[in-house]
Amino acid sequence: MTPEQSFVFANQGSPFYLAPAFGAAAALQHNMPKVRDAFRTGEGVAWGDQTQCLSCAVARFFRPGYENHLVKSWLPALSGFVQKLERGGEVADVGCGHGISTMIMAKAFPKSKVHGFDFHEKSIEEASKHAKEHNVSNVTFQTQEAKELPGKYDLITMFDCLHDMGDPVGALKHIRAALKPSGSVMIVEPMAGDSLKDNLNPIGRMYYCASTMVCVPTSLAQPTGAALGAQAGEKQLRKLIIEEAGFGVCRRATETPFNLILEARP
């Protein structure tokens, strides 16, 4: 392999490690018959009804980005939250999936309590198993929809899940109510421009495929079925966060070639 090929396909510590994308592509192919039917009916395909290997493939795909950026750059880009978490705070990781992001935060900030929530019971089972295997005591996992989030939190995180929700505005409104007065929400979404032409690049093509085969069908299968899509863009996300969900502040905290990281505050 050339150094460039090795960096992308062989170096598992690279933030651009994309070998897991092939596992995701295989999951999308297995999903095709259900999605084809969903295109005809408009009813969508529930996350739990999609191919069984999908949730594992998605967790492997996002892991390198989370491991390389979450603690080193994304959290420091928020307004003073690293120090708050070092002292000890309450964190809710909404749409946590297999708990990769949740575990990273729990290990990095042992004085904080980190709670992972997801509506997919099997993903929560996997997350709980990983926490037990790694003996991480300051993390919990619970099957829960975003619109029914319990408790009050200093920080609420949403990693690559807002666009999958059937009612993203309703979820954001409940999440805003679950924040402590000085709290913030970190919303990580796929990097996307505000127009189609801005997304006609290798990353945009990959995300449009995932959005068509997974994200939009997942949203359509839920009540409301907003079908925001993985390539909504910052302008549309800001509209949801500020105008529709009632947050007072929304700013781009940081970014990577793959990720758009927004901070929302009441």
C-alpha atoms as a PDB file:
ATOM      1  CA  MET A   1       0.000   0.000   0.000  1.00  0.00           C
ATOM      2  CA  THR A   2       1.032   3.596  -0.495  1.00  0.00           C
ATOM      3  CA  PRO A   3       1.288   5.714   2.684  1.00  0.00           C
ATOM      4  CA  GLU A   4      -2.006   7.368   1.729  1.00  0.00           C
ATOM      5  CA  GLN A   5      -3.769   4.025   1.266  1.00  0.00           C
ATOM      6  CA  SER A   6      -2.374   2.725   4.543  1.00  0.00           C
ATOM      7  CA  PHE A   7      -3.563   5.853   6.374  1.00  0.00           C
ATOM      8  CA  VAL A   8      -7.123   5.271   5.152  1.00  0.00           C
ATOM      9  CA  PHE A   9      -7.404   1.472   5.088  1.00  0.00           C
ATOM     10  CA  ALA A  10      -4.822  -0.051   7.451  1.00  0.00           C
ATOM     11  CA  ASN A  11      -4.165   2.448  10.254  1.00  0.00           C
ATOM     12  CA  GLN A  12      -7.013   1.901  12.725  1.00  0.00           C
ATOM     13  CA  GLY A  13      -5.839   4.857  14.792  1.00  0.00           C
ATOM     14  CA  SER A  14      -6.263   7.300  11.923  1.00  0.00           C
ATOM     15  CA  PRO A  15      -9.167   9.754  12.085  1.00  0.00           C
ATOM     16  CA  PHE A  16      -9.682   8.947   8.392  1.00  0.00           C
ATOM     17  CA  TYR A  17      -9.752   5.155   8.833  1.00  0.00           C
ATOM     18  CA  LEU A  18     -12.445   4.126   6.352  1.00  0.00           C
ATOM     19  CA  ALA A  19     -12.207   0.353   6.189  1.00  0.00           C
ATOM     20  CA  PRO A  20     -15.424   0.088   8.300  1.00  0.00           C
ATOM     21  CA  ALA A  21     -17.232   1.966   5.521  1.00  0.00           C
ATOM     22  CA  PHE A  22     -17.144  -1.258   3.500  1.00  0.00           C
ATOM     23  CA  GLY A  23     -18.999  -3.061   6.282  1.00  0.00           C
ATOM     24  CA  ALA A  24     -21.568  -0.289   6.234  1.00  0.00           C
ATOM     25  CA  ALA A  25     -21.871  -0.624   2.456  1.00  0.00           C
ATOM     26  CA  ALA A  26     -22.543  -4.351   2.824  1.00  0.00           C
ATOM     27  CA  ALA A  27     -25.249  -3.580   5.404  1.00  0.00           C
ATOM     28  CA  LEU A  28     -26.836  -1.106   2.987  1.00  0.00           C
ATOM     29  CA  GLN A  29     -26.870  -3.752   0.282  1.00  0.00           C
ATOM     30  CA  HIS A  30     -28.579  -6.236   2.606  1.00  0.00           C
ATOM     31  CA  ASN A  31     -31.091  -3.515   3.429  1.00  0.00           C
ATOM     32  CA  MET A  32     -32.002  -2.903  -0.196  1.00  0.00           C
ATOM     33  CA  PRO A  33     -35.138  -5.111  -0.481  1.00  0.00           C
ATOM     34  CA  LYS A  34     -36.787  -3.445   2.524  1.00  0.00           C
ATOM     35  CA  VAL A  35     -35.842   0.038   1.381  1.00  0.00           C
ATOM     36  CA  ARG A  36     -37.102  -0.700  -2.135  1.00  0.00           C
ATOM     37  CA  ASP A  37     -40.488  -1.617  -0.687  1.00  0.00           C
ATOM     38  CA  ALA A  38     -40.423   1.483   1.525  1.00  0.00           C
ATOM     39  CA  PHE A  39     -39.953   3.677  -1.539  1.00  0.00           C
ATOM     40  CA  ARG A  40     -43.177   2.235  -2.937  1.00  0.00           C
ATOM     41  CA  THR A  41     -45.223   2.593   0.256  1.00  0.00           C
ATOM     42  CA  GLY A  42     -43.639   5.646   1.894  1.00  0.00           C
ATOM     43  CA  GLU A  43     -43.831   3.869   5.263  1.00  0.00           C
ATOM     44  CA  GLY A  44     -40.097   3.751   5.950  1.00  0.00           C
ATOM     45  CA  VAL A  45     -38.059   1.016   7.617  1.00  0.00           C
ATOM     46  CA  ALA A  46     -37.690   1.074  11.409  1.00  0.00           C
ATOM     47  CA  TRP A  47     -34.124   0.985  12.728  1.00  0.00           C
ATOM     48  CA  GLY A  48     -34.791  -2.286  14.535  1.00  0.00           C
ATOM     49  CA  ASP A  49     -36.172  -3.866  11.348  1.00  0.00           C
ATOM     50  CA  GLN A  50     -33.117  -3.130   9.240  1.00  0.00           C
ATOM     51  CA  THR A  51     -30.363  -5.665   8.642  1.00  0.00           C
ATOM     52  CA  GLN A  52     -28.912  -6.917  11.929  1.00  0.00           C
ATOM     53  CA  CYS A  53     -25.308  -6.004  11.080  1.00  0.00           C
ATOM     54  CA  LEU A  54     -26.194  -2.336  10.459  1.00  0.00           C
ATOM     55  CA  SER A  55     -25.888  -1.028  14.027  1.00  0.00           C
ATOM     56  CA  CYS A  56     -22.507  -2.754  14.458  1.00  0.00           C
ATOM     57  CA  ALA A  57     -21.264  -1.402  11.117  1.00  0.00           C
ATOM     58  CA  VAL A  58     -22.350   2.132  12.020  1.00  0.00           C
ATOM     59  CA  ALA A  59     -20.591   1.919  15.412  1.00  0.00           C
ATOM     60  CA  ARG A  60     -17.346   0.775  13.757  1.00  0.00           C
ATOM     61  CA  PHE A  61     -17.593   3.495  11.111  1.00  0.00           C
ATOM     62  CA  PHE A  62     -17.978   6.375  13.588  1.00  0.00           C
ATOM     63  CA  ARG A  63     -15.500   5.077  16.205  1.00  0.00           C
ATOM     64  CA  PRO A  64     -12.274   6.515  14.650  1.00  0.00           C
ATOM     65  CA  GLY A  65     -13.716  10.026  14.478  1.00  0.00           C
ATOM     66  CA  TYR A  66     -14.992   9.904  18.039  1.00  0.00           C
ATOM     67  CA  GLU A  67     -11.740   8.475  19.404  1.00  0.00           C
ATOM     68  CA  ASN A  68      -9.598  11.080  17.649  1.00  0.00           C
ATOM     69  CA  HIS A  69     -11.726  14.208  18.038  1.00  0.00           C
ATOM     70  CA  LEU A  70     -14.307  13.996  20.822  1.00  0.00           C
ATOM     71  CA  VAL A  71     -12.078  14.653  23.851  1.00  0.00           C
ATOM     72  CA  LYS A  72      -9.177  16.345  22.038  1.00  0.00           C
ATOM     73  CA  SER A  73     -11.064  18.956  20.020  1.00  0.00           C
ATOM     74  CA  TRP A  74     -14.883  18.763  20.051  1.00  0.00           C
ATOM     75  CA  LEU A  75     -15.473  19.130  23.787  1.00  0.00           C
ATOM     76  CA  PRO A  76     -12.743  21.800  24.181  1.00  0.00           C
ATOM     77  CA  ALA A  77     -14.539  23.793  21.463  1.00  0.00           C
ATOM     78  CA  LEU A  78     -17.576  24.148  23.726  1.00  0.00           C
ATOM     79  CA  SER A  79     -17.930  26.944  26.273  1.00  0.00           C
ATOM     80  CA  GLY A  80     -15.874  25.804  29.278  1.00  0.00           C
ATOM     81  CA  PHE A  81     -17.189  22.250  29.467  1.00  0.00           C
ATOM     82  CA  VAL A  82     -13.914  20.374  29.773  1.00  0.00           C
ATOM     83  CA  GLN A  83     -13.248  22.002  33.142  1.00  0.00           C
ATOM     84  CA  LYS A  84     -16.833  21.393  34.239  1.00  0.00           C
ATOM     85  CA  LEU A  85     -16.622  17.702  33.330  1.00  0.00           C
ATOM     86  CA  GLU A  86     -13.245  17.359  35.017  1.00  0.00           C
ATOM     87  CA  ARG A  87     -14.814  18.641  38.246  1.00  0.00           C
ATOM     88  CA  GLY A  88     -17.827  16.360  37.807  1.00  0.00           C
ATOM     89  CA  GLY A  89     -21.031  16.904  35.865  1.00  0.00           C
ATOM     90  CA  GLU A  90     -24.074  15.145  34.489  1.00  0.00           C
ATOM     91  CA  VAL A  91     -23.959  14.170  30.813  1.00  0.00           C
ATOM     92  CA  ALA A  92     -26.685  12.637  28.646  1.00  0.00           C
ATOM     93  CA  ASP A  93     -25.614  11.021  25.374  1.00  0.00           C
ATOM     94  CA  VAL A  94     -28.836  10.882  23.351  1.00  0.00           C
ATOM     95  CA  GLY A  95     -28.992   8.358  20.510  1.00  0.00           C
ATOM     96  CA  CYS A  96     -25.870   6.671  21.850  1.00  0.00           C
ATOM     97  CA  GLY A  97     -26.171   3.461  19.822  1.00  0.00           C
ATOM     98  CA  HIS A  98     -23.550   0.981  21.000  1.00  0.00           C
ATOM     99  CA  GLY A  99     -22.207   3.586  23.409  1.00  0.00           C
ATOM    100  CA  ILE A 100     -18.857   4.343  21.755  1.00  0.00           C
ATOM    101  CA  SER A 101     -19.122   8.088  22.369  1.00  0.00           C
ATOM    102  CA  THR A 102     -20.618   7.534  25.829  1.00  0.00           C
ATOM    103  CA  MET A 103     -17.751   5.317  26.939  1.00  0.00           C
ATOM    104  CA  ILE A 104     -15.117   7.712  25.592  1.00  0.00           C
ATOM    105  CA  MET A 105     -16.555  10.556  27.678  1.00  0.00           C
ATOM    106  CA  ALA A 106     -16.965   8.396  30.772  1.00  0.00           C
ATOM    107  CA  LYS A 107     -13.341   7.221  30.635  1.00  0.00           C
ATOM    108  CA  ALA A 108     -12.018  10.739  29.989  1.00  0.00           C
ATOM    109  CA  PHE A 109     -13.984  12.304  32.870  1.00  0.00           C
ATOM    110  CA  PRO A 110     -14.194   9.784  35.726  1.00  0.00           C
ATOM    111  CA  LYS A 111     -15.710  12.349  38.140  1.00  0.00           C
ATOM    112  CA  SER A 112     -18.676  12.928  35.829  1.00  0.00           C
ATOM    113  CA  LYS A 113     -21.724  10.709  35.422  1.00  0.00           C
ATOM    114  CA  VAL A 114     -22.452   9.848  31.802  1.00  0.00           C
ATOM    115  CA  HIS A 115     -25.821   8.405  30.788  1.00  0.00           C
ATOM    116  CA  GLY A 116     -26.408   6.835  27.384  1.00  0.00           C
ATOM    117  CA  PHE A 117     -29.917   6.749  25.915  1.00  0.00           C
ATOM    118  CA  ASP A 118     -31.170   5.119  22.726  1.00  0.00           C
ATOM    119  CA  PHE A 119     -34.554   3.933  21.484  1.00  0.00           C
ATOM    120  CA  HIS A 120     -33.026   0.701  20.088  1.00  0.00           C
ATOM    121  CA  GLU A 121     -33.027  -1.912  22.837  1.00  0.00           C
ATOM    122  CA  LYS A 122     -30.439  -4.220  21.234  1.00  0.00           C
ATOM    123  CA  SER A 123     -27.952  -1.357  20.891  1.00  0.00           C
ATOM    124  CA  ILE A 124     -28.389  -0.524  24.578  1.00  0.00           C
ATOM    125  CA  GLU A 125     -27.778  -4.183  25.437  1.00  0.00           C
ATOM    126  CA  GLU A 126     -24.492  -4.059  23.494  1.00  0.00           C
ATOM    127  CA  ALA A 127     -23.493  -0.777  25.135  1.00  0.00           C
ATOM    128  CA  SER A 128     -24.184  -2.127  28.618  1.00  0.00           C
ATOM    129  CA  LYS A 129     -22.137  -5.232  27.851  1.00  0.00           C
ATOM    130  CA  HIS A 130     -19.176  -3.125  26.713  1.00  0.00           C
ATOM    131  CA  ALA A 131     -19.336  -0.985  29.860  1.00  0.00           C
ATOM    132  CA  LYS A 132     -19.282  -4.104  32.033  1.00  0.00           C
ATOM    133  CA  GLU A 133     -16.397  -5.656  30.077  1.00  0.00           C
ATOM    134  CA  HIS A 134     -14.305  -2.485  30.452  1.00  0.00           C
ATOM    135  CA  ASN A 135     -15.298  -1.961  34.101  1.00  0.00           C
ATOM    136  CA  VAL A 136     -16.471   1.618  33.586  1.00  0.00           C
ATOM    137  CA  SER A 137     -18.476   2.502  36.693  1.00  0.00           C
ATOM    138  CA  ASN A 138     -19.540   6.089  35.947  1.00  0.00           C
ATOM    139  CA  VAL A 139     -21.653   5.228  32.897  1.00  0.00           C
ATOM    140  CA  THR A 140     -25.216   3.910  32.597  1.00  0.00           C
ATOM    141  CA  PHE A 141     -27.326   2.936  29.600  1.00  0.00           C
ATOM    142  CA  GLN A 142     -31.092   3.033  29.222  1.00  0.00           C
ATOM    143  CA  THR A 143     -33.567   2.375  26.429  1.00  0.00           C
ATOM    144  CA  GLN A 144     -35.337   5.717  26.064  1.00  0.00           C
ATOM    145  CA  GLU A 145     -36.642   8.003  23.324  1.00  0.00           C
ATOM    146  CA  ALA A 146     -35.234  11.521  23.151  1.00  0.00           C
ATOM    147  CA  LYS A 147     -38.664  13.041  23.743  1.00  0.00           C
ATOM    148  CA  GLU A 148     -38.883  11.203  27.075  1.00  0.00           C
ATOM    149  CA  LEU A 149     -35.410  11.973  28.387  1.00  0.00           C
ATOM    150  CA  PRO A 150     -35.369  11.878  32.226  1.00  0.00           C
ATOM    151  CA  GLY A 151     -33.287  14.094  34.508  1.00  0.00           C
ATOM    152  CA  LYS A 152     -31.375  17.370  34.244  1.00  0.00           C
ATOM    153  CA  TYR A 153     -27.934  17.676  32.651  1.00  0.00           C
ATOM    154  CA  ASP A 154     -24.949  19.983  32.303  1.00  0.00           C
ATOM    155  CA  LEU A 155     -24.222  18.653  28.829  1.00  0.00           C
ATOM    156  CA  ILE A 156     -26.368  16.744  26.357  1.00  0.00           C
ATOM    157  CA  THR A 157     -24.714  15.248  23.294  1.00  0.00           C
ATOM    158  CA  MET A 158     -26.285  14.017  20.066  1.00  0.00           C
ATOM    159  CA  PHE A 159     -23.915  12.163  17.765  1.00  0.00           C
ATOM    160  CA  ASP A 160     -25.145  11.598  14.208  1.00  0.00           C
ATOM    161  CA  CYS A 161     -28.712  10.929  15.314  1.00  0.00           C
ATOM    162  CA  LEU A 162     -30.781  14.122  15.036  1.00  0.00           C
ATOM    163  CA  HIS A 163     -31.449  13.640  11.330  1.00  0.00           C
ATOM    164  CA  ASP A 164     -32.636  10.049  11.963  1.00  0.00           C
ATOM    165  CA  MET A 165     -35.416  11.131  14.310  1.00  0.00           C
ATOM    166  CA  GLY A 166     -39.050  11.156  13.274  1.00  0.00           C
ATOM    167  CA  ASP A 167     -39.679  14.345  15.248  1.00  0.00           C
ATOM    168  CA  PRO A 168     -36.351  16.187  15.604  1.00  0.00           C
ATOM    169  CA  VAL A 169     -38.031  19.415  16.728  1.00  0.00           C
ATOM    170  CA  GLY A 170     -39.994  17.661  19.467  1.00  0.00           C
ATOM    171  CA  ALA A 171     -36.810  15.919  20.591  1.00  0.00           C
ATOM    172  CA  LEU A 172     -34.878  19.195  20.683  1.00  0.00           C
ATOM    173  CA  LYS A 173     -37.614  20.915  22.699  1.00  0.00           C
ATOM    174  CA  HIS A 174     -37.519  18.171  25.324  1.00  0.00           C
ATOM    175  CA  ILE A 175     -33.720  18.196  25.357  1.00  0.00           C
ATOM    176  CA  ARG A 176     -33.715  21.968  25.910  1.00  0.00           C
ATOM    177  CA  ALA A 177     -36.032  21.463  28.895  1.00  0.00           C
ATOM    178  CA  ALA A 178     -33.665  18.798  30.277  1.00  0.00           C
ATOM    179  CA  LEU A 179     -30.696  21.189  30.388  1.00  0.00           C
ATOM    180  CA  LYS A 180     -29.525  22.827  33.576  1.00  0.00           C
ATOM    181  CA  PRO A 181     -29.534  26.663  33.362  1.00  0.00           C
ATOM    182  CA  SER A 182     -25.892  26.848  32.279  1.00  0.00           C
ATOM    183  CA  GLY A 183     -26.025  23.712  30.140  1.00  0.00           C
ATOM    184  CA  SER A 184     -25.296  23.164  26.452  1.00  0.00           C
ATOM    185  CA  VAL A 185     -26.153  20.671  23.749  1.00  0.00           C
ATOM    186  CA  MET A 186     -23.450  19.400  21.406  1.00  0.00           C
ATOM    187  CA  ILE A 187     -24.999  18.307  18.114  1.00  0.00           C
ATOM    188  CA  VAL A 188     -22.729  16.348  15.780  1.00  0.00           C
ATOM    189  CA  GLU A 189     -24.099  15.864  12.279  1.00  0.00           C
ATOM    190  CA  PRO A 190     -22.575  14.737   8.975  1.00  0.00           C
ATOM    191  CA  MET A 191     -20.714  17.546   7.219  1.00  0.00           C
ATOM    192  CA  ALA A 192     -22.960  19.050   4.555  1.00  0.00           C
ATOM    193  CA  GLY A 193     -23.392  22.297   2.677  1.00  0.00           C
ATOM    194  CA  ASP A 194     -26.669  24.120   2.327  1.00  0.00           C
ATOM    195  CA  SER A 195     -27.144  23.343  -1.366  1.00  0.00           C
ATOM    196  CA  LEU A 196     -26.927  20.249  -3.532  1.00  0.00           C
ATOM    197  CA  LYS A 197     -23.907  21.544  -5.459  1.00  0.00           C
ATOM    198  CA  ASP A 198     -21.998  22.010  -2.182  1.00  0.00           C
ATOM    199  CA  ASN A 199     -22.366  18.290  -1.470  1.00  0.00           C
ATOM    200  CA  LEU A 200     -21.277  16.918  -4.835  1.00  0.00           C
ATOM    201  CA  ASN A 201     -17.980  15.592  -3.526  1.00  0.00           C
ATOM    202  CA  PRO A 202     -16.735  12.167  -2.330  1.00  0.00           C
ATOM    203  CA  ILE A 203     -17.973  12.677   1.244  1.00  0.00           C
ATOM    204  CA  GLY A 204     -21.330  14.040   0.131  1.00  0.00           C
ATOM    205  CA  ARG A 205     -21.870  11.121  -2.231  1.00  0.00           C
ATOM    206  CA  MET A 206     -21.150   8.655   0.569  1.00  0.00           C
ATOM    207  CA  TYR A 207     -23.515  10.408   2.969  1.00  0.00           C
ATOM    208  CA  TYR A 208     -26.294  10.776   0.397  1.00  0.00           C
ATOM    209  CA  CYS A 209     -26.167   7.002  -0.124  1.00  0.00           C
ATOM    210  CA  ALA A 210     -26.365   6.343   3.619  1.00  0.00           C
ATOM    211  CA  SER A 211     -29.157   8.889   3.976  1.00  0.00           C
ATOM    212  CA  THR A 212     -31.209   7.253   1.215  1.00  0.00           C
ATOM    213  CA  MET A 213     -30.704   3.689   2.421  1.00  0.00           C
ATOM    214  CA  VAL A 214     -30.849   4.196   6.215  1.00  0.00           C
ATOM    215  CA  CYS A 215     -31.505   7.674   7.606  1.00  0.00           C
ATOM    216  CA  VAL A 216     -34.595   8.746   5.672  1.00  0.00           C
ATOM    217  CA  PRO A 217     -36.302   5.312   5.916  1.00  0.00           C
ATOM    218  CA  THR A 218     -35.603   5.263   9.671  1.00  0.00           C
ATOM    219  CA  SER A 219     -37.207   8.675  10.155  1.00  0.00           C
ATOM    220  CA  LEU A 220     -40.213   7.877   7.971  1.00  0.00           C
ATOM    221  CA  ALA A 221     -40.936   4.768  10.066  1.00  0.00           C
ATOM    222  CA  GLN A 222     -41.411   6.925  13.187  1.00  0.00           C
ATOM    223  CA  PRO A 223     -44.353   9.148  14.154  1.00  0.00           C
ATOM    224  CA  THR A 224     -44.200  12.509  12.319  1.00  0.00           C
ATOM    225  CA  GLY A 225     -41.525  11.184   9.932  1.00  0.00           C
ATOM    226  CA  ALA A 226     -39.707  14.459   9.282  1.00  0.00           C
ATOM    227  CA  ALA A 227     -37.090  12.747   7.050  1.00  0.00           C
ATOM    228  CA  LEU A 228     -34.524  15.484   7.601  1.00  0.00           C
ATOM    229  CA  GLY A 229     -31.796  13.452   5.901  1.00  0.00           C
ATOM    230  CA  ALA A 230     -28.082  13.238   6.627  1.00  0.00           C
ATOM    231  CA  GLN A 231     -27.262  16.142   4.284  1.00  0.00           C
ATOM    232  CA  ALA A 232     -29.619  18.731   5.758  1.00  0.00           C
ATOM    233  CA  GLY A 233     -26.918  21.401   6.037  1.00  0.00           C
ATOM    234  CA  GLU A 234     -26.198  23.967   8.726  1.00  0.00           C
ATOM    235  CA  LYS A 235     -28.845  26.479   7.613  1.00  0.00           C
ATOM    236  CA  GLN A 236     -31.654  23.944   7.995  1.00  0.00           C
ATOM    237  CA  LEU A 237     -30.265  22.652  11.282  1.00  0.00           C
ATOM    238  CA  ARG A 238     -30.085  26.188  12.695  1.00  0.00           C
ATOM    239  CA  LYS A 239     -33.700  26.759  11.711  1.00  0.00           C
ATOM    240  CA  LEU A 240     -34.754  23.646  13.626  1.00  0.00           C
ATOM    241  CA  ILE A 241     -32.663  24.534  16.660  1.00  0.00           C
ATOM    242  CA  ILE A 242     -33.413  28.262  16.952  1.00  0.00           C
ATOM    243  CA  GLU A 243     -36.725  29.000  15.234  1.00  0.00           C
ATOM    244  CA  GLU A 244     -38.591  25.757  15.861  1.00  0.00           C
ATOM    245  CA  ALA A 245     -37.099  24.261  19.032  1.00  0.00           C
ATOM    246  CA  GLY A 246     -36.608  27.594  20.832  1.00  0.00           C
ATOM    247  CA  PHE A 247     -32.888  27.609  21.632  1.00  0.00           C
ATOM    248  CA  GLY A 248     -31.411  31.064  22.081  1.00  0.00           C
ATOM    249  CA  VAL A 249     -27.940  30.351  20.706  1.00  0.00           C
ATOM    250  CA  CYS A 250     -26.588  28.024  18.036  1.00  0.00           C
ATOM    251  CA  ARG A 251     -23.024  28.269  16.798  1.00  0.00           C
ATOM    252  CA  ARG A 252     -20.622  26.130  14.814  1.00  0.00           C
ATOM    253  CA  ALA A 253     -18.152  25.032  17.485  1.00  0.00           C
ATOM    254  CA  THR A 254     -15.783  23.161  15.179  1.00  0.00           C
ATOM    255  CA  GLU A 255     -15.734  20.786  12.219  1.00  0.00           C
ATOM    256  CA  THR A 256     -13.884  17.985  10.461  1.00  0.00           C
ATOM    257  CA  PRO A 257     -14.114  16.882   6.820  1.00  0.00           C
ATOM    258  CA  PHE A 258     -16.754  14.378   7.984  1.00  0.00           C
ATOM    259  CA  ASN A 259     -18.481  16.220  10.830  1.00  0.00           C
ATOM    260  CA  LEU A 260     -20.309  19.428  11.647  1.00  0.00           C
ATOM    261  CA  ILE A 261     -20.297  20.206  15.388  1.00  0.00           C
ATOM    262  CA  LEU A 262     -22.860  22.687  16.679  1.00  0.00           C
ATOM    263  CA  GLU A 263     -23.302  24.034  20.206  1.00  0.00           C
ATOM    264  CA  ALA A 264     -26.856  25.005  21.200  1.00  0.00           C
ATOM    265  CA  ARG A 265     -27.757  26.848  24.400  1.00  0.00           C
ATOM    266  CA  PRO A 266     -31.147  28.006  25.790  1.00  0.00           C
END
